[in-house]
Protein backbone atom coordinates (compact mmCIF):
# COMPACT_ATOMS: atom_id res chain seq x y z
CA MET A 1 19.73 83.89 106.11
CA SER A 2 22.51 86.12 104.78
CA ASP A 3 25.78 84.98 103.23
CA ALA A 4 27.64 86.62 106.13
CA ALA A 5 25.75 84.42 108.59
CA HIS A 6 26.65 81.39 106.49
CA GLN A 7 30.33 82.26 106.80
CA THR A 8 30.32 83.01 110.54
CA TRP A 9 28.57 79.83 111.70
CA LYS A 10 30.87 77.13 113.02
CA PRO A 11 30.00 73.72 114.52
CA ARG A 12 30.42 73.25 118.27
CA PHE A 13 32.70 70.23 117.87
CA ASN A 14 35.91 69.83 115.92
CA PRO A 15 35.00 69.52 112.21
CA TRP A 16 37.42 66.61 111.74
CA LEU A 17 35.74 64.62 114.52
CA ILE A 18 32.38 65.30 112.87
CA ALA A 19 33.76 64.09 109.53
CA ILE A 20 34.97 60.87 111.15
CA VAL A 21 31.70 60.06 112.93
CA VAL A 22 29.48 60.75 109.89
CA THR A 23 31.86 58.70 107.72
CA MET A 24 31.62 55.82 110.22
CA ALA A 25 27.92 55.47 109.41
CA ALA A 26 28.41 55.69 105.63
CA PHE A 27 31.29 53.19 105.79
CA MET A 28 29.04 50.70 107.59
CA GLU A 29 26.37 51.01 104.89
CA ILE A 30 28.70 50.74 101.88
CA LEU A 31 30.58 47.83 103.45
CA ASP A 32 27.31 46.00 103.98
CA THR A 33 26.45 46.37 100.29
CA THR A 34 29.51 44.38 99.20
CA ILE A 35 30.01 42.07 102.16
CA VAL A 36 26.66 40.33 101.58
CA ASN A 37 27.63 39.23 98.05
CA VAL A 38 30.10 36.73 99.50
CA ALA A 39 27.49 35.23 101.81
CA LEU A 40 24.69 34.62 99.27
CA PRO A 41 25.50 30.88 98.74
CA TYR A 42 25.59 30.37 102.52
CA ILE A 43 22.30 32.24 102.98
CA ALA A 44 20.71 30.07 100.29
CA GLY A 45 21.87 26.86 101.97
CA SER A 46 20.76 27.95 105.44
CA LEU A 47 17.29 29.04 104.29
CA ALA A 48 16.83 25.99 102.02
CA THR A 49 16.49 27.98 98.82
CA SER A 50 18.43 28.39 95.58
CA SER A 51 21.25 30.89 95.08
CA ASP A 52 19.11 32.60 92.45
CA ASN A 53 16.29 33.14 94.94
CA ALA A 54 18.73 34.24 97.65
CA SER A 55 19.99 36.98 95.31
CA TYR A 56 16.59 38.68 95.74
CA ALA A 57 17.91 39.76 99.14
CA LEU A 58 20.51 41.78 97.25
CA THR A 59 18.00 43.04 94.68
CA ALA A 60 15.57 44.23 97.38
CA TYR A 61 18.33 46.20 99.08
CA LEU A 62 19.53 47.84 95.86
CA VAL A 63 16.02 48.82 94.75
CA ALA A 64 15.10 50.46 98.06
CA ASN A 65 18.52 52.05 98.41
CA GLY A 66 18.53 53.48 94.88
CA ILE A 67 15.11 55.09 95.30
CA VAL A 68 15.88 56.70 98.66
CA LEU A 69 19.28 57.97 97.54
CA THR A 70 17.56 60.20 95.02
CA VAL A 71 14.96 61.73 97.35
CA ALA A 72 17.17 61.90 100.45
CA GLY A 73 17.62 65.64 99.98
CA TRP A 74 13.87 66.24 100.10
CA ILE A 75 13.44 64.04 103.19
CA SER A 76 16.35 65.82 104.87
CA ASP A 77 14.84 69.25 104.22
CA THR A 78 11.45 68.06 105.43
CA VAL A 79 12.31 66.36 108.73
CA GLY A 80 15.71 67.92 109.45
CA ARG A 81 19.09 66.67 108.34
CA LYS A 82 20.47 65.58 111.71
CA ARG A 83 17.20 63.95 112.76
CA TYR A 84 16.94 62.07 109.48
CA PHE A 85 20.60 61.00 109.60
CA VAL A 86 20.37 59.63 113.15
CA ILE A 87 17.06 57.86 112.39
CA CYS A 88 18.70 56.20 109.37
CA ILE A 89 21.65 55.00 111.48
CA ILE A 90 19.40 53.59 114.20
CA MET A 91 17.01 51.86 111.82
CA PHE A 92 19.84 50.53 109.64
CA THR A 93 21.26 48.93 112.78
CA VAL A 94 17.87 47.52 113.83
CA THR A 95 17.19 46.08 110.38
CA SER A 96 20.71 44.55 110.36
CA PHE A 97 19.73 42.65 113.50
CA LEU A 98 16.47 41.56 111.86
CA CYS A 99 18.37 40.31 108.80
CA GLY A 100 20.65 38.32 111.09
CA ILE A 101 17.75 36.50 112.75
CA ALA A 102 15.71 35.95 109.56
CA GLN A 103 14.34 32.41 109.31
CA SER A 104 12.97 32.42 105.76
CA LEU A 105 13.67 33.90 102.34
CA GLY A 106 10.64 36.17 102.58
CA GLN A 107 11.83 37.60 105.89
CA ILE A 108 15.35 38.37 104.74
CA VAL A 109 14.12 39.97 101.50
CA LEU A 110 11.73 42.19 103.50
CA PHE A 111 14.36 43.13 106.10
CA ARG A 112 16.97 43.78 103.41
CA ALA A 113 14.54 46.13 101.64
CA MET A 114 14.05 47.98 104.93
CA GLN A 115 17.80 48.07 105.44
CA GLY A 116 18.26 49.56 101.97
CA PHE A 117 15.52 52.13 102.62
CA PHE A 118 17.27 53.51 105.70
CA GLY A 119 20.79 52.97 104.35
CA GLY A 120 19.98 55.14 101.35
CA GLY A 121 19.90 58.25 103.54
CA LEU A 122 23.40 57.80 104.93
CA GLN A 123 25.72 58.63 102.02
CA PRO A 124 24.05 61.85 100.79
CA ASN A 125 23.59 63.19 104.32
CA GLN A 126 27.20 62.39 105.14
CA GLN A 127 28.36 64.49 102.17
CA ALA A 128 25.92 67.33 102.90
CA ILE A 129 27.06 67.50 106.54
CA ILE A 130 30.71 67.66 105.49
CA LEU A 131 29.92 70.38 102.95
CA ASP A 132 28.36 72.55 105.64
CA THR A 133 30.97 71.73 108.28
CA PHE A 134 34.07 72.65 106.28
CA PRO A 135 34.94 75.83 104.36
CA PRO A 136 35.76 75.33 100.65
CA ALA A 137 39.52 75.51 101.28
CA LYS A 138 39.41 72.43 103.53
CA ARG A 139 36.82 70.34 101.70
CA ALA A 140 39.35 68.43 99.59
CA ALA A 141 41.01 67.13 102.76
CA ALA A 142 37.61 66.37 104.30
CA PHE A 143 36.55 64.42 101.22
CA GLY A 144 39.70 62.37 101.74
CA ILE A 145 37.98 60.95 104.82
CA THR A 146 34.78 60.21 102.87
CA ALA A 147 36.92 58.35 100.32
CA ILE A 148 37.60 55.79 103.04
CA ALA A 149 33.90 54.93 103.04
CA THR A 150 33.33 55.11 99.30
CA ILE A 151 36.46 53.41 97.95
CA ILE A 152 37.92 51.30 100.76
CA ALA A 153 34.62 49.79 101.98
CA PRO A 154 33.95 47.94 98.67
CA ILE A 155 37.57 46.73 98.77
CA LEU A 156 37.39 45.39 102.32
CA GLY A 157 33.85 43.98 102.00
CA PRO A 158 34.74 40.73 100.18
CA THR A 159 37.73 40.12 102.49
CA LEU A 160 35.75 40.62 105.70
CA GLY A 161 32.81 38.67 104.30
CA GLY A 162 35.07 35.78 103.32
CA TYR A 163 36.65 35.71 106.78
CA ILE A 164 33.26 35.72 108.54
CA VAL A 165 31.69 32.94 106.45
CA ASN A 166 34.86 30.82 106.75
CA HIS A 167 35.08 31.14 110.54
CA SER A 168 31.49 31.68 111.67
CA THR A 169 27.94 31.89 110.31
CA TRP A 170 26.62 34.24 107.62
CA ARG A 171 24.38 35.86 110.25
CA TRP A 172 27.41 37.67 111.71
CA ILE A 173 27.70 39.59 108.46
CA PHE A 174 24.67 41.51 109.73
CA PHE A 175 25.33 41.30 113.48
CA VAL A 176 28.71 43.02 113.03
CA ASN A 177 26.80 46.21 112.19
CA ILE A 178 25.14 46.38 115.62
CA PRO A 179 28.03 47.71 117.79
CA VAL A 180 29.25 50.00 114.99
CA GLY A 181 25.74 51.34 114.38
CA ALA A 182 25.05 51.89 118.07
CA LEU A 183 28.30 53.83 118.51
CA ALA A 184 27.70 55.84 115.33
CA ALA A 185 24.14 56.72 116.38
CA PHE A 186 25.32 57.96 119.79
CA LEU A 187 28.25 60.00 118.48
CA ASN A 188 26.24 61.58 115.67
CA SER A 189 23.36 62.48 117.98
CA VAL A 190 25.84 64.29 120.25
CA MET A 191 28.25 65.90 117.78
CA VAL A 192 26.28 66.67 114.60
CA GLU A 193 24.06 69.73 114.44
CA ASP A 194 21.99 71.41 111.78
CA PRO A 195 23.39 74.79 110.64
CA PRO A 196 21.05 77.81 110.84
CA TRP A 197 20.06 77.71 107.18
CA GLU A 198 18.98 74.08 107.46
CA LYS A 199 16.79 74.91 110.47
CA GLU A 200 15.36 77.82 108.52
CA LYS A 201 14.35 75.58 105.61
CA ARG A 202 12.61 73.15 107.96
CA GLU A 203 10.78 75.89 109.86
CA LYS A 204 9.56 77.57 106.69
CA LYS A 205 8.53 74.22 105.21
CA THR A 206 9.57 75.40 101.77
CA ARG A 207 9.14 71.93 100.22
CA GLY A 208 5.84 70.13 100.17
CA ILE A 209 5.12 66.55 99.14
CA ASP A 210 5.39 66.05 95.39
CA TYR A 211 3.34 62.87 95.02
CA ILE A 212 3.62 62.68 91.23
CA GLY A 213 7.39 63.24 91.19
CA LEU A 214 7.91 60.74 94.00
CA SER A 215 5.76 58.10 92.25
CA LEU A 216 7.61 58.50 88.94
CA ILE A 217 11.00 58.25 90.67
CA VAL A 218 9.95 55.10 92.55
CA LEU A 219 8.68 53.56 89.30
CA GLY A 220 11.67 54.55 87.17
CA LEU A 221 14.55 53.84 89.52
CA GLY A 222 12.91 50.79 91.11
CA CYS A 223 12.32 49.09 87.77
CA MET A 224 15.74 50.10 86.50
CA GLN A 225 17.48 48.55 89.52
CA ILE A 226 15.47 45.34 89.11
CA MET A 227 16.33 45.22 85.39
CA ILE A 228 20.04 45.78 86.06
CA ASP A 229 20.26 43.29 88.92
CA ARG A 230 18.12 40.50 87.44
CA GLY A 231 18.96 40.99 83.76
CA GLU A 232 21.86 38.54 83.60
CA ASP A 233 20.02 35.76 85.44
CA ASP A 234 16.85 36.16 83.37
CA GLY A 235 18.48 36.42 79.94
CA TRP A 236 18.20 40.18 79.51
CA PHE A 237 15.81 41.27 76.79
CA GLY A 238 15.01 37.71 75.86
CA SER A 239 12.89 37.73 79.04
CA PRO A 240 9.43 39.38 78.94
CA PHE A 241 9.90 40.33 82.61
CA ILE A 242 13.13 42.25 81.90
CA VAL A 243 11.56 43.91 78.86
CA THR A 244 8.63 45.03 81.03
CA MET A 245 11.00 46.39 83.68
CA GLY A 246 12.97 48.25 80.98
CA VAL A 247 9.85 49.87 79.52
CA LEU A 248 8.55 50.88 82.96
CA ALA A 249 12.00 52.24 83.89
CA PHE A 250 12.06 54.40 80.76
CA ILE A 251 8.52 55.67 81.37
CA GLY A 252 9.26 56.43 85.00
CA ILE A 253 12.63 58.17 84.48
CA PHE A 254 11.56 60.13 81.39
CA GLY A 255 8.28 61.11 83.05
CA ALA A 256 10.12 62.12 86.25
CA ILE A 257 12.53 64.37 84.33
CA CYS A 258 9.70 66.07 82.45
CA TRP A 259 7.69 66.54 85.65
CA LEU A 260 10.58 67.78 87.77
CA LEU A 261 11.50 70.36 85.15
CA THR A 262 7.99 71.85 85.09
CA ALA A 263 6.59 71.36 88.64
CA LYS A 264 6.39 74.41 90.91
CA GLN A 265 7.67 72.51 93.96
CA PRO A 266 9.47 69.41 92.64
CA ILE A 267 10.68 66.74 95.02
CA ILE A 268 14.15 67.12 93.44
CA ASN A 269 15.37 70.41 92.00
CA LEU A 270 17.06 69.60 88.71
CA ASP A 271 18.43 73.15 88.55
CA VAL A 272 21.50 71.66 90.24
CA PHE A 273 22.61 70.53 86.79
CA LYS A 274 22.76 74.12 85.57
CA ASP A 275 26.02 74.27 87.49
CA ARG A 276 28.51 72.93 84.95
CA ASN A 277 30.97 71.64 87.51
CA PHE A 278 28.29 69.70 89.34
CA ALA A 279 26.92 68.24 86.10
CA MET A 280 30.39 67.15 84.96
CA GLY A 281 31.24 65.90 88.45
CA SER A 282 28.12 63.71 88.43
CA VAL A 283 29.02 62.21 85.05
CA LEU A 284 32.61 61.59 86.10
CA ILE A 285 31.66 60.04 89.46
CA GLY A 286 29.22 57.77 87.60
CA ALA A 287 32.03 56.63 85.29
CA MET A 288 34.34 56.14 88.26
CA GLY A 289 31.65 54.15 90.11
CA ALA A 290 31.12 51.88 87.10
CA ILE A 291 34.83 51.09 86.84
CA LEU A 292 35.38 50.83 90.62
CA TYR A 293 32.53 48.41 91.35
CA ALA A 294 32.92 46.37 88.15
CA SER A 295 36.63 45.76 88.72
CA ALA A 296 36.03 45.05 92.42
CA VAL A 297 33.60 42.28 91.42
CA LEU A 298 35.48 40.85 88.43
CA ILE A 299 38.77 40.01 90.12
CA PRO A 300 37.28 38.03 93.06
CA GLN A 301 34.88 36.35 90.63
CA LEU A 302 37.80 35.32 88.42
CA ALA A 303 39.78 34.08 91.42
CA GLN A 304 36.93 31.95 92.78
CA GLN A 305 35.42 30.58 89.58
CA GLN A 306 38.53 30.00 87.45
CA LEU A 307 41.52 29.88 89.81
CA GLY A 308 39.99 27.95 92.72
CA TYR A 309 40.42 30.60 95.46
CA ASP A 310 38.06 30.59 98.42
CA ALA A 311 36.08 33.68 99.48
CA LEU A 312 38.75 34.89 101.92
CA TRP A 313 41.71 34.64 99.56
CA SER A 314 39.82 36.20 96.68
CA GLY A 315 38.99 39.10 98.98
CA LEU A 316 42.62 39.41 100.07
CA ILE A 317 43.53 40.22 96.48
CA LEU A 318 41.65 43.51 96.90
CA SER A 319 42.90 44.48 100.36
CA PRO A 320 46.38 45.86 99.51
CA GLY A 321 44.65 48.31 97.19
CA GLY A 322 43.07 49.92 100.25
CA ILE A 323 46.53 50.64 101.64
CA VAL A 324 47.53 52.24 98.33
CA ILE A 325 44.49 54.54 98.50
CA ILE A 326 45.23 55.60 102.09
CA LEU A 327 48.81 56.48 101.13
CA LEU A 328 47.88 58.32 97.94
CA ILE A 329 45.03 60.54 99.15
CA PRO A 330 47.27 62.92 101.19
CA VAL A 331 49.73 63.09 98.28
CA VAL A 332 46.99 63.96 95.80
CA GLY A 333 45.71 66.56 98.28
CA ARG A 334 49.07 68.32 98.19
CA ILE A 335 49.27 68.09 94.41
CA SER A 336 45.79 69.65 94.08
CA LYS A 337 47.10 72.86 95.67
CA VAL A 338 49.36 73.52 92.69
CA VAL A 339 47.82 71.54 89.82
CA PRO A 340 44.34 72.36 88.39
CA THR A 341 41.74 69.78 89.34
CA ARG A 342 40.84 68.91 85.76
CA TYR A 343 44.40 67.69 85.11
CA ILE A 344 44.41 65.57 88.25
CA VAL A 345 41.15 63.90 87.20
CA MET A 346 42.48 63.39 83.67
CA THR A 347 45.59 61.77 85.13
CA GLY A 348 43.40 59.49 87.27
CA PHE A 349 41.37 58.20 84.32
CA PHE A 350 44.53 57.81 82.20
CA ILE A 351 46.20 55.77 84.95
CA MET A 352 43.00 53.75 85.29
CA GLY A 353 43.03 52.98 81.56
CA CYS A 354 46.66 51.87 81.74
CA ALA A 355 45.94 49.75 84.82
CA LEU A 356 43.03 48.04 83.13
CA MET A 357 45.11 47.35 80.01
CA PHE A 358 47.71 45.77 82.32
CA SER A 359 44.93 43.72 83.94
CA GLY A 360 43.94 42.50 80.48
CA ARG A 361 47.06 40.29 80.37
CA LEU A 362 45.73 37.45 82.51
CA ILE A 363 46.96 33.90 81.99
CA VAL A 364 45.64 30.58 83.29
CA ASN A 365 48.40 30.01 85.86
CA ILE A 366 48.60 33.61 87.10
CA ASN A 367 49.78 33.86 90.70
CA PHE A 368 48.41 35.72 93.73
CA LYS A 369 51.18 38.36 93.69
CA THR A 370 50.42 39.40 90.11
CA LEU A 371 46.70 39.66 90.82
CA VAL A 372 47.45 41.90 93.81
CA GLU A 373 49.69 44.08 91.64
CA MET A 374 46.96 44.42 89.01
CA ARG A 375 44.34 45.42 91.57
CA SER A 376 46.70 47.80 93.39
CA PHE A 377 47.49 49.54 90.10
CA GLN A 378 43.74 50.00 89.51
CA THR A 379 43.10 51.42 92.99
CA ALA A 380 46.07 53.79 92.65
CA ALA A 381 44.10 55.54 89.90
CA LEU A 382 41.13 55.98 92.25
CA GLY A 383 43.33 58.10 94.51
CA PHE A 384 43.38 60.70 91.73
CA LEU A 385 39.63 60.55 91.13
CA PHE A 386 37.25 60.47 94.09
CA VAL A 387 38.45 63.45 96.15
CA PRO A 388 39.13 65.77 93.17
CA ILE A 389 35.80 64.89 91.51
CA SER A 390 33.88 65.41 94.77
CA THR A 391 35.63 68.72 95.37
CA ILE A 392 34.98 70.10 91.89
CA ALA A 393 31.34 68.95 91.90
CA TYR A 394 30.45 71.17 94.87
CA LEU A 395 32.92 73.98 94.16
CA THR A 396 30.44 76.39 92.58
CA LEU A 397 27.15 74.75 93.60
CA PRO A 398 24.86 77.26 95.39
CA MET A 399 24.22 76.44 99.03
CA ARG A 400 20.47 76.06 98.55
CA TYR A 401 21.10 73.08 96.27
CA ARG A 402 23.42 71.14 98.58
CA SER A 403 20.87 68.62 99.87
CA ASP A 404 19.60 67.71 96.41
CA GLY A 405 23.13 67.88 95.01
CA ALA A 406 24.53 65.44 97.58
CA ALA A 407 21.63 63.04 96.95
CA LEU A 408 21.98 63.12 93.16
CA PHE A 409 25.78 62.88 93.32
CA SER A 410 25.52 59.71 95.45
CA MET A 411 22.83 58.35 93.15
CA PHE A 412 25.02 58.80 90.06
CA ARG A 413 27.87 56.92 91.75
CA ASN A 414 25.68 54.01 92.87
CA VAL A 415 23.72 53.69 89.63
CA GLY A 416 26.98 53.89 87.67
CA GLY A 417 28.35 51.11 89.86
CA ALA A 418 25.28 48.93 89.36
CA ILE A 419 25.41 49.41 85.59
CA GLY A 420 29.14 48.72 85.51
CA ILE A 421 28.80 45.46 87.43
CA SER A 422 25.90 44.27 85.29
CA LEU A 423 27.58 45.11 81.97
CA ALA A 424 30.88 43.57 83.06
CA GLN A 425 29.29 40.29 84.12
CA ALA A 426 27.19 40.15 80.94
CA ALA A 427 30.30 40.82 78.84
CA VAL A 428 32.25 38.04 80.59
CA ILE A 429 29.53 35.50 79.71
CA GLU A 430 29.17 36.76 76.13
CA ARG A 431 32.91 36.82 75.47
CA SER A 432 33.36 33.37 77.09
CA GLN A 433 30.87 31.95 74.63
CA ALA A 434 32.50 33.77 71.71
CA ASN A 435 35.96 32.59 72.74
CA GLN A 436 34.74 29.01 73.11
CA ALA A 437 33.35 29.18 69.58
CA HIS A 438 36.67 30.52 68.30
CA LEU A 439 38.77 27.93 70.15
CA SER A 440 36.47 25.02 69.27
CA ARG A 441 38.22 24.53 65.91
CA PHE A 442 41.31 23.41 67.84
CA MET A 443 39.29 20.84 69.85
CA SER A 444 39.45 18.16 67.18
CA PRO A 445 41.47 14.97 66.63
CA LEU A 446 42.41 16.53 63.30
CA GLN A 447 44.58 19.04 65.16
CA GLN A 448 48.10 17.97 66.14
CA GLY A 449 48.03 19.97 69.36
CA TYR A 450 44.84 18.19 70.45
CA ASN A 451 46.37 14.74 69.91
CA THR A 452 49.64 15.70 71.62
CA TYR A 453 47.83 16.95 74.73
CA VAL A 454 45.56 13.90 74.95
CA GLN A 455 48.46 11.47 74.53
CA SER A 456 50.49 13.29 77.21
CA ALA A 457 47.55 13.31 79.60
CA GLU A 458 46.86 9.60 78.97
CA GLN A 459 50.48 8.75 79.78
CA THR A 460 50.30 10.77 83.01
CA LEU A 461 47.05 9.09 84.05
CA ARG A 462 48.46 5.62 83.39
CA THR A 463 51.48 6.48 85.53
CA LEU A 464 49.07 7.45 88.32
CA GLY A 465 47.43 4.01 88.07
CA ARG A 466 44.19 4.89 86.28
CA ALA A 467 42.33 2.07 84.54
CA ALA A 468 43.28 1.75 80.88
CA SER A 469 39.61 1.76 79.87
CA THR A 470 39.04 5.27 81.31
CA VAL A 471 42.28 7.14 80.61
CA HIS A 472 41.22 8.42 77.18
CA ASP A 473 37.93 9.83 78.40
CA ASP A 474 39.63 11.33 81.46
CA ALA A 475 42.31 12.94 79.28
CA VAL A 476 39.70 14.45 76.96
CA GLY A 477 37.81 15.70 80.02
CA GLN A 478 40.93 17.44 81.31
CA LEU A 479 41.45 19.06 77.92
CA TYR A 480 37.83 20.25 77.83
CA THR A 481 38.19 21.78 81.29
CA SER A 482 41.36 23.57 80.18
CA TYR A 483 39.56 24.73 77.01
CA ARG A 484 36.73 26.30 79.02
CA THR A 485 39.11 27.89 81.50
CA GLN A 486 41.19 29.48 78.74
CA ALA A 487 38.06 30.81 77.05
CA ALA A 488 36.97 32.36 80.35
CA ILE A 489 40.40 33.90 81.03
CA LEU A 490 40.38 35.45 77.55
CA ALA A 491 36.90 36.81 78.31
CA TYR A 492 38.13 38.57 81.44
CA ASN A 493 41.00 40.01 79.38
CA ASN A 494 38.50 41.31 76.85
CA VAL A 495 36.34 42.95 79.53
CA PHE A 496 39.31 44.64 81.20
CA GLN A 497 40.35 45.97 77.78
CA TYR A 498 36.82 47.30 77.15
CA ALA A 499 36.89 49.03 80.53
CA ALA A 500 40.30 50.54 79.66
CA VAL A 501 38.83 52.03 76.49
CA VAL A 502 36.00 53.58 78.52
CA ALA A 503 38.52 55.10 80.96
CA PHE A 504 40.57 56.58 78.10
CA LEU A 505 37.40 57.99 76.46
CA VAL A 506 36.49 59.81 79.68
CA VAL A 507 39.81 61.70 79.74
CA PRO A 508 38.80 64.38 77.15
CA LEU A 509 35.55 65.05 79.07
CA CYS A 510 37.63 66.53 81.88
CA PHE A 511 38.31 69.60 79.72
CA LEU A 512 34.65 70.54 80.32
CA ILE A 513 35.38 71.12 84.02
CA SER A 514 35.26 74.84 84.69
CA ASN A 515 38.17 76.65 86.30
CA LYS A 516 35.72 79.07 87.90
CA LYS A 517 36.28 79.48 91.62
CA ALA A 518 33.64 79.26 94.33
CA GLN A 519 31.71 82.41 95.04
CA GLY A 520 30.95 83.58 98.49
CA GLY A 521 32.99 80.83 100.12
CA GLY A 522 31.84 78.01 98.00
CA GLY A 523 28.30 78.17 97.10
CA GLY A 524 26.27 81.23 96.52
CA GLY A 525 23.43 82.53 98.58
CA HIS A 526 20.32 81.09 100.02
């Protein structure tokens, strides 16, 4: 297939309609990843199990999803991109129904693993379809639509999940996917088509089954996802199970890299990383994913655990940020026409660092409005990151690498997000303990502040009619609760400050982005 043929092919339907329908499927999958987090306590209660055991439903999804994300390019080339994409939509919808009717922990873990397996093919295929549907000059605008799925879905997930569990049953968290999935499957089967070069790859069967590469990827990524997701609950490397998962993850990932670099027909072509823009784009999207998902988890967690918000109101803290993103993406698109992409990305990470430093000024009695402002400031930075990074990553990537490139790009974002969430939650616990140890010296009758607080609390309790024999113990209990809350708030401040440092450190990396323009309309020959 010649480069000229690549340039002359155009889809039968309007490219913008295609972008919308493929993004509908990816939005459904990403939303489902975050919406379930809110429902885990309700799932545990309904299935008569502990919250810790119920979290295996989340672990099973992430493990299956992480593995498939990486090899989605190979599956797409083997069975056909459109066919694979539509199958994933249909089966994701079917498994959503199965999750909704699950009657035991074992059933929901199994169905969630199946859901993750088919959901893993949606994001990379969505990006690959958009890459082939739009010429390079219009890809930045097209990636603005994909940003709705990637950035806004994690923001809306906790809000929608909180509303559903407050007004209905947790099962509707899965049932809500059915009409959306059915519509997406129909529209994609009608409107999406494989371009000639994709049909050519399938007909020639240029990629066989790399059993060794596939096995090493399953071992490495599967164990890594388990280690990341279960590490905090199991005590990290104090647990023999987590240590075993870490060793197996290292063996699998290191072995996979060595094999894929030397195999004649690898399941994933690592030559994609020879393109400097793609390599830097993958690193930057991983950093963005870590910050995006970690901050999206920390603020609702703070609101629920320390400030007494319910699931709906903690989710509403995130929602205005989605509006900020929608307003900023067109503005950034216009700026990108006159300002080099590297400077836009640098600006995004600098704004993110400033936003996170601002978020590191939490106090115990912080109000809803201030929390919304903090989160909106963070999401404003994302408007300068996702679309420019996605655009630069594929700018000079040869066309023959698009399937593998889209899969690996999505994998970097998701793995970065998983690592960011895990590290942030671990840091909150560690810093809470450290802050409690630091503040404990003030929790003594030898301290004037301690005695003043207790005496004031005792007087208030007596005024409220509490028994004289219990007021002292109750006053000390109130002080201890305040002590733990302040230690936790300081911990969240510490973690936001750490994340700000990471964002600032990423800024100089943007100088490694090449200013080289796309060749042959954005991607070399076949």
